[in-house]
Amino acid sequence: MSNQVTPFRDLKIDDIRKLIDDGYEVVDVREDWEWNKGHLPGARHVVLNTILSNPTAQKFRDRTIFVCAVGERSAVAAEMAVALGVKDVASFRGGTKAWKEAGLPLETP
């Protein structure tokens, strides 16, 4: 396992819940069909490919959590956000899967 340092925080569910309580924006980067099955309450939906194809078109708050299904795509989005100058970025390691498995509520559109 690599001890690679990332320019963003790669956090699990307990830390993510604290950040949400502290008012961080939650951005879900999954595909539309995944989003429609359920997402974290209050999350904003921005498909990862949208961020990658036109990164400057998206505006993210300085305190943003990126989430996907398990934490891979959210890490890519978090790295892109840091490159765009977003100050405080976290990727949710475990993602929506961990949220659901913890019995926490999901919203549907």
Protein backbone atom coordinates (compact mmCIF):
# COMPACT_ATOMS: atom_id res chain seq x y z
CA MET A 1 0.00 0.00 0.00
CA SER A 2 1.37 3.37 -0.99
CA ASN A 3 1.82 6.18 1.50
CA GLN A 4 1.32 8.76 -1.23
CA VAL A 5 0.49 12.23 0.03
CA THR A 6 -2.50 13.86 -1.63
CA PRO A 7 -3.29 17.58 -1.86
CA PHE A 8 -6.73 16.90 -0.34
CA ARG A 9 -8.02 14.99 2.66
CA ASP A 10 -9.11 11.40 1.98
CA LEU A 11 -11.59 10.79 4.82
CA LYS A 12 -13.91 8.05 6.01
CA ILE A 13 -17.51 8.36 7.11
CA ASP A 14 -17.08 9.66 10.69
CA ASP A 15 -14.87 12.56 9.60
CA ILE A 16 -17.10 13.28 6.59
CA ARG A 17 -20.16 13.53 8.84
CA LYS A 18 -18.33 16.10 11.01
CA LEU A 19 -17.45 18.19 7.95
CA ILE A 20 -21.05 18.07 6.74
CA ASP A 21 -22.18 19.25 10.19
CA ASP A 22 -19.61 22.07 9.87
CA GLY A 23 -21.27 23.27 6.65
CA TYR A 24 -19.08 21.82 3.92
CA GLU A 25 -20.62 21.60 0.45
CA VAL A 26 -21.15 18.01 -0.73
CA VAL A 27 -20.66 17.37 -4.45
CA ASP A 28 -21.64 13.97 -5.84
CA VAL A 29 -19.68 13.14 -9.01
CA ARG A 30 -21.45 9.89 -9.97
CA GLU A 31 -23.35 9.32 -13.20
CA ASP A 32 -27.01 10.37 -13.48
CA TRP A 33 -28.37 6.83 -13.04
CA GLU A 34 -26.34 6.41 -9.82
CA TRP A 35 -27.46 9.80 -8.47
CA ASN A 36 -31.09 8.91 -9.16
CA LYS A 37 -30.82 5.77 -6.99
CA GLY A 38 -30.01 7.94 -3.96
CA HIS A 39 -27.47 10.48 -2.76
CA LEU A 40 -26.34 12.17 0.44
CA PRO A 41 -28.91 14.69 1.68
CA GLY A 42 -28.26 18.19 0.37
CA ALA A 43 -25.61 17.08 -2.12
CA ARG A 44 -25.10 18.86 -5.43
CA HIS A 45 -24.75 16.71 -8.55
CA VAL A 46 -21.86 17.36 -10.95
CA VAL A 47 -20.85 14.35 -13.06
CA LEU A 48 -17.07 13.78 -12.99
CA ASN A 49 -16.78 13.91 -16.78
CA THR A 50 -18.26 17.41 -16.68
CA ILE A 51 -15.51 18.52 -14.31
CA LEU A 52 -12.81 16.85 -16.39
CA SER A 53 -14.03 18.15 -19.76
CA ASN A 54 -14.56 21.75 -18.65
CA PRO A 55 -13.00 22.26 -15.21
CA THR A 56 -13.26 26.04 -15.06
CA ALA A 57 -17.02 25.97 -15.73
CA GLN A 58 -17.69 24.51 -12.29
CA LYS A 59 -17.50 26.66 -9.20
CA PHE A 60 -16.89 24.90 -5.90
CA ARG A 61 -16.94 26.43 -2.45
CA ASP A 62 -13.70 26.58 -0.51
CA ARG A 63 -14.95 23.86 1.83
CA THR A 64 -16.04 20.98 -0.39
CA ILE A 65 -16.45 17.23 0.00
CA PHE A 66 -16.52 15.11 -3.14
CA VAL A 67 -18.40 11.80 -3.06
CA CYS A 68 -18.96 8.96 -5.52
CA ALA A 69 -19.84 5.28 -5.09
CA VAL A 70 -16.74 4.13 -3.16
CA GLY A 71 -14.14 6.93 -3.27
CA GLU A 72 -12.21 6.55 -6.53
CA ARG A 73 -13.93 9.14 -8.73
CA SER A 74 -14.30 11.53 -5.81
CA ALA A 75 -10.50 11.47 -5.38
CA VAL A 76 -10.06 12.47 -9.03
CA ALA A 77 -12.58 15.30 -8.59
CA ALA A 78 -10.90 16.42 -5.36
CA GLU A 79 -7.52 16.57 -7.07
CA MET A 80 -9.01 18.63 -9.90
CA ALA A 81 -10.65 21.03 -7.41
CA VAL A 82 -7.33 21.57 -5.64
CA ALA A 83 -5.72 22.32 -9.03
CA LEU A 84 -8.48 24.90 -9.60
CA GLY A 85 -7.62 26.61 -6.32
CA VAL A 86 -10.30 25.28 -3.97
CA LYS A 87 -8.81 25.70 -0.48
CA ASP A 88 -10.24 22.92 1.71
CA VAL A 89 -11.09 19.73 -0.17
CA ALA A 90 -12.01 16.26 1.02
CA SER A 91 -12.77 13.02 -0.79
CA PHE A 92 -15.18 10.62 0.89
CA ARG A 93 -13.34 7.28 1.09
CA GLY A 94 -16.09 4.65 1.03
CA GLY A 95 -18.59 6.97 -0.63
CA THR A 96 -22.29 6.43 -0.98
CA LYS A 97 -21.83 2.70 -0.40
CA ALA A 98 -20.39 3.31 3.09
CA TRP A 99 -23.09 5.90 3.83
CA LYS A 100 -25.86 3.45 2.90
CA GLU A 101 -24.22 0.56 4.80
CA ALA A 102 -24.09 2.76 7.93
CA GLY A 103 -27.87 3.09 7.70
CA LEU A 104 -27.75 6.81 6.98
CA PRO A 105 -30.50 8.43 4.88
CA LEU A 106 -30.29 8.94 1.14
CA GLU A 107 -32.33 11.40 -0.90
CA THR A 108 -33.77 10.70 -4.32
CA PRO A 109 -34.64 13.34 -6.91
